[in-house]
Structure formats: C-alpha cells, structure tokens
Amino acid sequence: MELIDRLREIMKNNYGIETDNDLIEAAENHTGIDLGIFVTPLREEEVCAKAI
C-alpha cells in the first residue's frame, strides 16, 4: 500500500475526510495551534536557564 493510500485511509477513518474538498474545508476551518509560548519574548528579569 502506497503512503498516500494509507494517509487517505487514516483521514477517512479518523476524521471523516474522503475527498480533496473535504480536506480543504477542514484546513480552512481549523482553528490552528497557539504557538505563543514559543514566540513570546522573556522579560529581562526572567531566567530560562542558568550556567552550571
């Protein structure tokens, strides 16, 4: 079984996505992931690591 076939089967079974249009609609309506924790700068008084 080709990778694309396995991915299509997983998308169908887990998410009900059967067509390209289903996938496009799901992607457009997805709320996304909040990556703020990774891009928010630290304040000067915060220390995220100390040298040993």
PDB file of N, CA and C in Angstrom:
ATOM      1  N   MET A   1       0.850  -1.174   0.000  1.00  0.00           N
ATOM      2  CA  MET A   1       0.000   0.000   0.000  1.00  0.00           C
ATOM      3  C   MET A   1       0.902   1.246   0.000  1.00  0.00           C
ATOM      4  N   GLU A   2       0.629   2.149  -0.896  1.00  0.00           N
ATOM      5  CA  GLU A   2       1.379   3.393  -1.006  1.00  0.00           C
ATOM      6  C   GLU A   2       1.082   4.297   0.182  1.00  0.00           C
ATOM      7  N   LEU A   3       2.006   5.188   0.478  1.00  0.00           N
ATOM      8  CA  LEU A   3       1.846   6.125   1.583  1.00  0.00           C
ATOM      9  C   LEU A   3       0.578   6.960   1.428  1.00  0.00           C
ATOM     10  N   ILE A   4       0.323   7.450   0.228  1.00  0.00           N
ATOM     11  CA  ILE A   4      -0.868   8.273   0.001  1.00  0.00           C
ATOM     12  C   ILE A   4      -2.137   7.495   0.304  1.00  0.00           C
ATOM     13  N   ASP A   5      -2.165   6.224  -0.038  1.00  0.00           N
ATOM     14  CA  ASP A   5      -3.337   5.394   0.248  1.00  0.00           C
ATOM     15  C   ASP A   5      -3.530   5.221   1.749  1.00  0.00           C
ATOM     16  N   ARG A   6      -2.424   5.026   2.464  1.00  0.00           N
ATOM     17  CA  ARG A   6      -2.506   4.874   3.919  1.00  0.00           C
ATOM     18  C   ARG A   6      -2.988   6.162   4.560  1.00  0.00           C
ATOM     19  N   LEU A   7      -2.478   7.315   4.086  1.00  0.00           N
ATOM     20  CA  LEU A   7      -2.905   8.596   4.620  1.00  0.00           C
ATOM     21  C   LEU A   7      -4.384   8.859   4.349  1.00  0.00           C
ATOM     22  N   ARG A   8      -4.827   8.528   3.137  1.00  0.00           N
ATOM     23  CA  ARG A   8      -6.251   8.711   2.814  1.00  0.00           C
ATOM     24  C   ARG A   8      -7.132   7.850   3.712  1.00  0.00           C
ATOM     25  N   GLU A   9      -6.701   6.621   3.994  1.00  0.00           N
ATOM     26  CA  GLU A   9      -7.463   5.727   4.854  1.00  0.00           C
ATOM     27  C   GLU A   9      -7.533   6.274   6.287  1.00  0.00           C
ATOM     28  N   ILE A  10      -6.415   6.772   6.784  1.00  0.00           N
ATOM     29  CA  ILE A  10      -6.387   7.352   8.132  1.00  0.00           C
ATOM     30  C   ILE A  10      -7.290   8.578   8.204  1.00  0.00           C
ATOM     31  N   MET A  11      -7.204   9.457   7.204  1.00  0.00           N
ATOM     32  CA  MET A  11      -8.035  10.667   7.191  1.00  0.00           C
ATOM     33  C   MET A  11      -9.521  10.309   7.147  1.00  0.00           C
ATOM     34  N   LYS A  12      -9.863   9.282   6.387  1.00  0.00           N
ATOM     35  CA  LYS A  12     -11.257   8.856   6.283  1.00  0.00           C
ATOM     36  C   LYS A  12     -11.743   8.259   7.596  1.00  0.00           C
ATOM     37  N   ASN A  13     -10.956   7.351   8.174  1.00  0.00           N
ATOM     38  CA  ASN A  13     -11.381   6.655   9.388  1.00  0.00           C
ATOM     39  C   ASN A  13     -11.391   7.553  10.623  1.00  0.00           C
ATOM     40  N   ASN A  14     -10.386   8.413  10.751  1.00  0.00           N
ATOM     41  CA  ASN A  14     -10.259   9.221  11.963  1.00  0.00           C
ATOM     42  C   ASN A  14     -10.993  10.552  11.903  1.00  0.00           C
ATOM     43  N   TYR A  15     -11.109  11.130  10.701  1.00  0.00           N
ATOM     44  CA  TYR A  15     -11.647  12.479  10.593  1.00  0.00           C
ATOM     45  C   TYR A  15     -12.816  12.612   9.627  1.00  0.00           C
ATOM     46  N   GLY A  16     -13.186  11.548   8.947  1.00  0.00           N
ATOM     47  CA  GLY A  16     -14.298  11.608   8.008  1.00  0.00           C
ATOM     48  C   GLY A  16     -13.964  12.369   6.739  1.00  0.00           C
ATOM     49  N   ILE A  17     -12.697  12.553   6.445  1.00  0.00           N
ATOM     50  CA  ILE A  17     -12.268  13.287   5.255  1.00  0.00           C
ATOM     51  C   ILE A  17     -12.050  12.278   4.132  1.00  0.00           C
ATOM     52  N   GLU A  18     -12.894  12.388   3.097  1.00  0.00           N
ATOM     53  CA  GLU A  18     -12.837  11.421   1.994  1.00  0.00           C
ATOM     54  C   GLU A  18     -12.399  12.040   0.675  1.00  0.00           C
ATOM     55  N   THR A  19     -12.624  13.330   0.492  1.00  0.00           N
ATOM     56  CA  THR A  19     -12.295  13.956  -0.787  1.00  0.00           C
ATOM     57  C   THR A  19     -11.319  15.107  -0.571  1.00  0.00           C
ATOM     58  N   ASP A  20     -10.745  15.596  -1.669  1.00  0.00           N
ATOM     59  CA  ASP A  20      -9.872  16.763  -1.588  1.00  0.00           C
ATOM     60  C   ASP A  20     -10.631  17.967  -1.047  1.00  0.00           C
ATOM     61  N   ASN A  21     -11.892  18.106  -1.464  1.00  0.00           N
ATOM     62  CA  ASN A  21     -12.705  19.223  -0.973  1.00  0.00           C
ATOM     63  C   ASN A  21     -12.946  19.123   0.529  1.00  0.00           C
ATOM     64  N   ASP A  22     -13.155  17.908   1.046  1.00  0.00           N
ATOM     65  CA  ASP A  22     -13.296  17.718   2.493  1.00  0.00           C
ATOM     66  C   ASP A  22     -12.036  18.184   3.220  1.00  0.00           C
ATOM     67  N   LEU A  23     -10.881  17.843   2.670  1.00  0.00           N
ATOM     68  CA  LEU A  23      -9.614  18.214   3.276  1.00  0.00           C
ATOM     69  C   LEU A  23      -9.407  19.722   3.247  1.00  0.00           C
ATOM     70  N   ILE A  24      -9.707  20.350   2.129  1.00  0.00           N
ATOM     71  CA  ILE A  24      -9.578  21.802   2.011  1.00  0.00           C
ATOM     72  C   ILE A  24     -10.500  22.502   3.000  1.00  0.00           C
ATOM     73  N   GLU A  25     -11.736  22.031   3.099  1.00  0.00           N
ATOM     74  CA  GLU A  25     -12.692  22.630   4.030  1.00  0.00           C
ATOM     75  C   GLU A  25     -12.221  22.476   5.475  1.00  0.00           C
ATOM     76  N   ALA A  26     -11.717  21.301   5.830  1.00  0.00           N
ATOM     77  CA  ALA A  26     -11.223  21.070   7.187  1.00  0.00           C
ATOM     78  C   ALA A  26     -10.036  21.980   7.491  1.00  0.00           C
ATOM     79  N   ALA A  27      -9.133  22.158   6.527  1.00  0.00           N
ATOM     80  CA  ALA A  27      -7.969  23.016   6.732  1.00  0.00           C
ATOM     81  C   ALA A  27      -8.381  24.478   6.884  1.00  0.00           C
ATOM     82  N   GLU A  28      -9.350  24.918   6.099  1.00  0.00           N
ATOM     83  CA  GLU A  28      -9.799  26.310   6.168  1.00  0.00           C
ATOM     84  C   GLU A  28     -10.541  26.602   7.468  1.00  0.00           C
ATOM     85  N   ASN A  29     -11.212  25.599   8.040  1.00  0.00           N
ATOM     86  CA  ASN A  29     -11.990  25.805   9.262  1.00  0.00           C
ATOM     87  C   ASN A  29     -11.226  25.456  10.534  1.00  0.00           C
ATOM     88  N   HIS A  30      -9.982  24.991  10.379  1.00  0.00           N
ATOM     89  CA  HIS A  30      -9.175  24.614  11.530  1.00  0.00           C
ATOM     90  C   HIS A  30      -8.758  25.865  12.296  1.00  0.00           C
ATOM     91  N   THR A  31      -8.877  25.817  13.616  1.00  0.00           N
ATOM     92  CA  THR A  31      -8.553  26.987  14.430  1.00  0.00           C
ATOM     93  C   THR A  31      -7.063  27.200  14.570  1.00  0.00           C
ATOM     94  N   GLY A  32      -6.269  26.199  14.313  1.00  0.00           N
ATOM     95  CA  GLY A  32      -4.825  26.338  14.406  1.00  0.00           C
ATOM     96  C   GLY A  32      -4.307  26.026  15.799  1.00  0.00           C
ATOM     97  N   ILE A  33      -3.015  26.146  15.958  1.00  0.00           N
ATOM     98  CA  ILE A  33      -2.347  25.850  17.213  1.00  0.00           C
ATOM     99  C   ILE A  33      -1.764  27.146  17.755  1.00  0.00           C
ATOM    100  N   ASP A  34      -1.931  27.381  19.039  1.00  0.00           N
ATOM    101  CA  ASP A  34      -1.375  28.569  19.673  1.00  0.00           C
ATOM    102  C   ASP A  34       0.105  28.335  19.945  1.00  0.00           C
ATOM    103  N   LEU A  35       0.961  28.987  19.182  1.00  0.00           N
ATOM    104  CA  LEU A  35       2.405  28.855  19.339  1.00  0.00           C
ATOM    105  C   LEU A  35       2.998  29.996  20.158  1.00  0.00           C
ATOM    106  N   GLY A  36       2.160  30.754  20.825  1.00  0.00           N
ATOM    107  CA  GLY A  36       2.602  31.923  21.577  1.00  0.00           C
ATOM    108  C   GLY A  36       3.702  31.632  22.576  1.00  0.00           C
ATOM    109  N   ILE A  37       3.650  30.496  23.227  1.00  0.00           N
ATOM    110  CA  ILE A  37       4.665  30.168  24.211  1.00  0.00           C
ATOM    111  C   ILE A  37       6.055  30.094  23.590  1.00  0.00           C
ATOM    112  N   PHE A  38       6.135  29.791  22.320  1.00  0.00           N
ATOM    113  CA  PHE A  38       7.418  29.652  21.653  1.00  0.00           C
ATOM    114  C   PHE A  38       7.937  30.951  21.051  1.00  0.00           C
ATOM    115  N   VAL A  39       7.075  31.942  20.918  1.00  0.00           N
ATOM    116  CA  VAL A  39       7.489  33.182  20.272  1.00  0.00           C
ATOM    117  C   VAL A  39       7.392  34.403  21.177  1.00  0.00           C
ATOM    118  N   THR A  40       6.884  34.238  22.393  1.00  0.00           N
ATOM    119  CA  THR A  40       6.766  35.350  23.325  1.00  0.00           C
ATOM    120  C   THR A  40       8.125  35.618  23.956  1.00  0.00           C
ATOM    121  N   PRO A  41       8.647  36.834  23.836  1.00  0.00           N
ATOM    122  CA  PRO A  41       9.960  37.123  24.424  1.00  0.00           C
ATOM    123  C   PRO A  41       9.899  37.099  25.953  1.00  0.00           C
ATOM    124  N   LEU A  42      10.996  36.714  26.564  1.00  0.00           N
ATOM    125  CA  LEU A  42      11.099  36.721  28.018  1.00  0.00           C
ATOM    126  C   LEU A  42      11.331  38.142  28.493  1.00  0.00           C
ATOM    127  N   ARG A  43      10.827  38.434  29.681  1.00  0.00           N
ATOM    128  CA  ARG A  43      11.136  39.726  30.294  1.00  0.00           C
ATOM    129  C   ARG A  43      12.571  39.658  30.810  1.00  0.00           C
ATOM    130  N   GLU A  44      13.197  40.786  30.980  1.00  0.00           N
ATOM    131  CA  GLU A  44      14.606  40.821  31.378  1.00  0.00           C
ATOM    132  C   GLU A  44      14.862  40.109  32.691  1.00  0.00           C
ATOM    133  N   GLU A  45      13.922  40.181  33.623  1.00  0.00           N
ATOM    134  CA  GLU A  45      14.150  39.576  34.932  1.00  0.00           C
ATOM    135  C   GLU A  45      13.956  38.057  34.933  1.00  0.00           C
ATOM    136  N   GLU A  46      13.407  37.515  33.873  1.00  0.00           N
ATOM    137  CA  GLU A  46      13.202  36.077  33.791  1.00  0.00           C
ATOM    138  C   GLU A  46      14.470  35.371  33.308  1.00  0.00           C
ATOM    139  N   VAL A  47      14.744  34.264  33.918  1.00  0.00           N
ATOM    140  CA  VAL A  47      15.897  33.464  33.511  1.00  0.00           C
ATOM    141  C   VAL A  47      15.368  32.102  33.116  1.00  0.00           C
ATOM    142  N   CYS A  48      15.659  31.679  31.893  1.00  0.00           N
ATOM    143  CA  CYS A  48      15.152  30.389  31.438  1.00  0.00           C
ATOM    144  C   CYS A  48      16.173  29.272  31.646  1.00  0.00           C
ATOM    145  N   ALA A  49      17.437  29.625  31.864  1.00  0.00           N
ATOM    146  CA  ALA A  49      18.471  28.612  32.116  1.00  0.00           C
ATOM    147  C   ALA A  49      19.634  29.296  32.819  1.00  0.00           C
ATOM    148  N   LYS A  50      20.307  28.549  33.659  1.00  0.00           N
ATOM    149  CA  LYS A  50      21.476  29.071  34.348  1.00  0.00           C
ATOM    150  C   LYS A  50      22.685  28.211  33.976  1.00  0.00           C
ATOM    151  N   ALA A  51      23.821  28.868  33.837  1.00  0.00           N
ATOM    152  CA  ALA A  51      25.057  28.143  33.570  1.00  0.00           C
ATOM    153  C   ALA A  51      25.455  27.356  34.812  1.00  0.00           C
ATOM    154  N   ILE A  52      25.996  26.201  34.609  1.00  0.00           N
ATOM    155  CA  ILE A  52      26.414  25.362  35.743  1.00  0.00           C
ATOM    156  C   ILE A  52      27.882  25.638  36.042  1.00  0.00           C
TER     157      ILE A  52
END
